[in-house]
Amino acid sequence: MAAASAASGFRTWLQTHGFSWLTPKRLRALTVTAMCAAGLVSTIGVSGSTPPTSSARPTPQHAHSHPAT
């Protein structure tokens, strides 16, 4: 959701600066490209979880053998 908002903000920024080379067709192409790039970065480039730390690994339980008496 945030990625789409960023792409939309980028499009608005481009449109308000009134670049002479930015025709409606080019603006549309840049919008589609920005949306695709934002979607890829948000799904591939950003992970939603952190890897486990070494302290989070369970320690093996050793069975203590008692000598037979």
C-alpha atoms as a PDB file:
ATOM      1  CA  MET A   1       0.000   0.000   0.000  1.00  0.00           C
ATOM      2  CA  ALA A   2       2.797   2.371   0.911  1.00  0.00           C
ATOM      3  CA  ALA A   3       4.632   1.492  -2.296  1.00  0.00           C
ATOM      4  CA  ALA A   4       1.632   2.463  -4.407  1.00  0.00           C
ATOM      5  CA  SER A   5       1.311   5.719  -2.476  1.00  0.00           C
ATOM      6  CA  ALA A   6       4.963   6.520  -3.103  1.00  0.00           C
ATOM      7  CA  ALA A   7       4.556   5.834  -6.822  1.00  0.00           C
ATOM      8  CA  SER A   8       1.460   8.005  -6.911  1.00  0.00           C
ATOM      9  CA  GLY A   9       3.317  10.780  -5.107  1.00  0.00           C
ATOM     10  CA  PHE A  10       6.143  10.513  -7.618  1.00  0.00           C
ATOM     11  CA  ARG A  11       3.650  10.897 -10.461  1.00  0.00           C
ATOM     12  CA  THR A  12       2.082  13.941  -8.819  1.00  0.00           C
ATOM     13  CA  TRP A  13       5.510  15.496  -8.275  1.00  0.00           C
ATOM     14  CA  LEU A  14       6.378  14.984 -11.950  1.00  0.00           C
ATOM     15  CA  GLN A  15       3.067  16.444 -13.070  1.00  0.00           C
ATOM     16  CA  THR A  16       3.279  19.562 -10.889  1.00  0.00           C
ATOM     17  CA  HIS A  17       6.797  20.461 -12.040  1.00  0.00           C
ATOM     18  CA  GLY A  18       5.562  20.894 -15.613  1.00  0.00           C
ATOM     19  CA  PHE A  19       8.478  19.343 -17.476  1.00  0.00           C
ATOM     20  CA  SER A  20       8.146  20.178 -21.176  1.00  0.00           C
ATOM     21  CA  TRP A  21       9.171  16.687 -22.291  1.00  0.00           C
ATOM     22  CA  LEU A  22       6.485  15.075 -20.120  1.00  0.00           C
ATOM     23  CA  THR A  23       3.594  14.383 -22.469  1.00  0.00           C
ATOM     24  CA  PRO A  24       0.446  12.603 -21.185  1.00  0.00           C
ATOM     25  CA  LYS A  25       1.598   9.381 -22.853  1.00  0.00           C
ATOM     26  CA  ARG A  26       5.039   9.578 -21.191  1.00  0.00           C
ATOM     27  CA  LEU A  27       3.451  10.433 -17.849  1.00  0.00           C
ATOM     28  CA  ARG A  28       1.269   7.339 -18.129  1.00  0.00           C
ATOM     29  CA  ALA A  29       4.292   5.190 -18.987  1.00  0.00           C
ATOM     30  CA  LEU A  30       6.246   6.611 -16.046  1.00  0.00           C
ATOM     31  CA  THR A  31       3.296   5.965 -13.745  1.00  0.00           C
ATOM     32  CA  VAL A  32       3.048   2.322 -14.825  1.00  0.00           C
ATOM     33  CA  THR A  33       6.821   1.906 -14.469  1.00  0.00           C
ATOM     34  CA  ALA A  34       6.829   3.496 -11.007  1.00  0.00           C
ATOM     35  CA  MET A  35       3.946   1.286  -9.844  1.00  0.00           C
ATOM     36  CA  CYS A  36       5.672  -1.862 -11.125  1.00  0.00           C
ATOM     37  CA  ALA A  37       8.992  -0.890  -9.565  1.00  0.00           C
ATOM     38  CA  ALA A  38       7.311  -0.082  -6.255  1.00  0.00           C
ATOM     39  CA  GLY A  39       5.489  -3.399  -6.290  1.00  0.00           C
ATOM     40  CA  LEU A  40       8.653  -5.358  -7.016  1.00  0.00           C
ATOM     41  CA  VAL A  41      10.674  -3.579  -4.357  1.00  0.00           C
ATOM     42  CA  SER A  42       7.970  -4.063  -1.752  1.00  0.00           C
ATOM     43  CA  THR A  43       7.588  -7.787  -2.433  1.00  0.00           C
ATOM     44  CA  ILE A  44      11.154  -8.783  -3.272  1.00  0.00           C
ATOM     45  CA  GLY A  45      13.368  -6.144  -1.702  1.00  0.00           C
ATOM     46  CA  VAL A  46      11.689  -5.801   1.675  1.00  0.00           C
ATOM     47  CA  SER A  47      11.252  -8.748   3.988  1.00  0.00           C
ATOM     48  CA  GLY A  48       8.525  -8.810   6.583  1.00  0.00           C
ATOM     49  CA  SER A  49      10.419 -10.897   9.095  1.00  0.00           C
ATOM     50  CA  THR A  50      13.827 -11.025  10.646  1.00  0.00           C
ATOM     51  CA  PRO A  51      16.072 -14.064  10.650  1.00  0.00           C
ATOM     52  CA  PRO A  52      16.349 -15.950  13.926  1.00  0.00           C
ATOM     53  CA  THR A  53      19.239 -15.049  16.174  1.00  0.00           C
ATOM     54  CA  SER A  54      21.590 -17.613  17.629  1.00  0.00           C
ATOM     55  CA  SER A  55      19.983 -17.222  21.067  1.00  0.00           C
ATOM     56  CA  ALA A  56      16.575 -18.121  19.646  1.00  0.00           C
ATOM     57  CA  ARG A  57      17.667 -21.612  18.639  1.00  0.00           C
ATOM     58  CA  PRO A  58      16.532 -24.313  21.013  1.00  0.00           C
ATOM     59  CA  THR A  59      19.298 -26.015  22.919  1.00  0.00           C
ATOM     60  CA  PRO A  60      19.390 -29.795  22.688  1.00  0.00           C
ATOM     61  CA  GLN A  61      18.282 -31.607  25.802  1.00  0.00           C
ATOM     62  CA  HIS A  62      20.941 -34.057  26.928  1.00  0.00           C
ATOM     63  CA  ALA A  63      19.729 -37.061  28.810  1.00  0.00           C
ATOM     64  CA  HIS A  64      21.693 -37.457  31.994  1.00  0.00           C
ATOM     65  CA  SER A  65      22.485 -41.077  32.560  1.00  0.00           C
ATOM     66  CA  HIS A  66      22.771 -42.190  36.104  1.00  0.00           C
ATOM     67  CA  PRO A  67      25.318 -44.894  36.804  1.00  0.00           C
ATOM     68  CA  ALA A  68      23.769 -48.142  37.899  1.00  0.00           C
ATOM     69  CA  THR A  69      24.453 -48.904  41.520  1.00  0.00           C
END
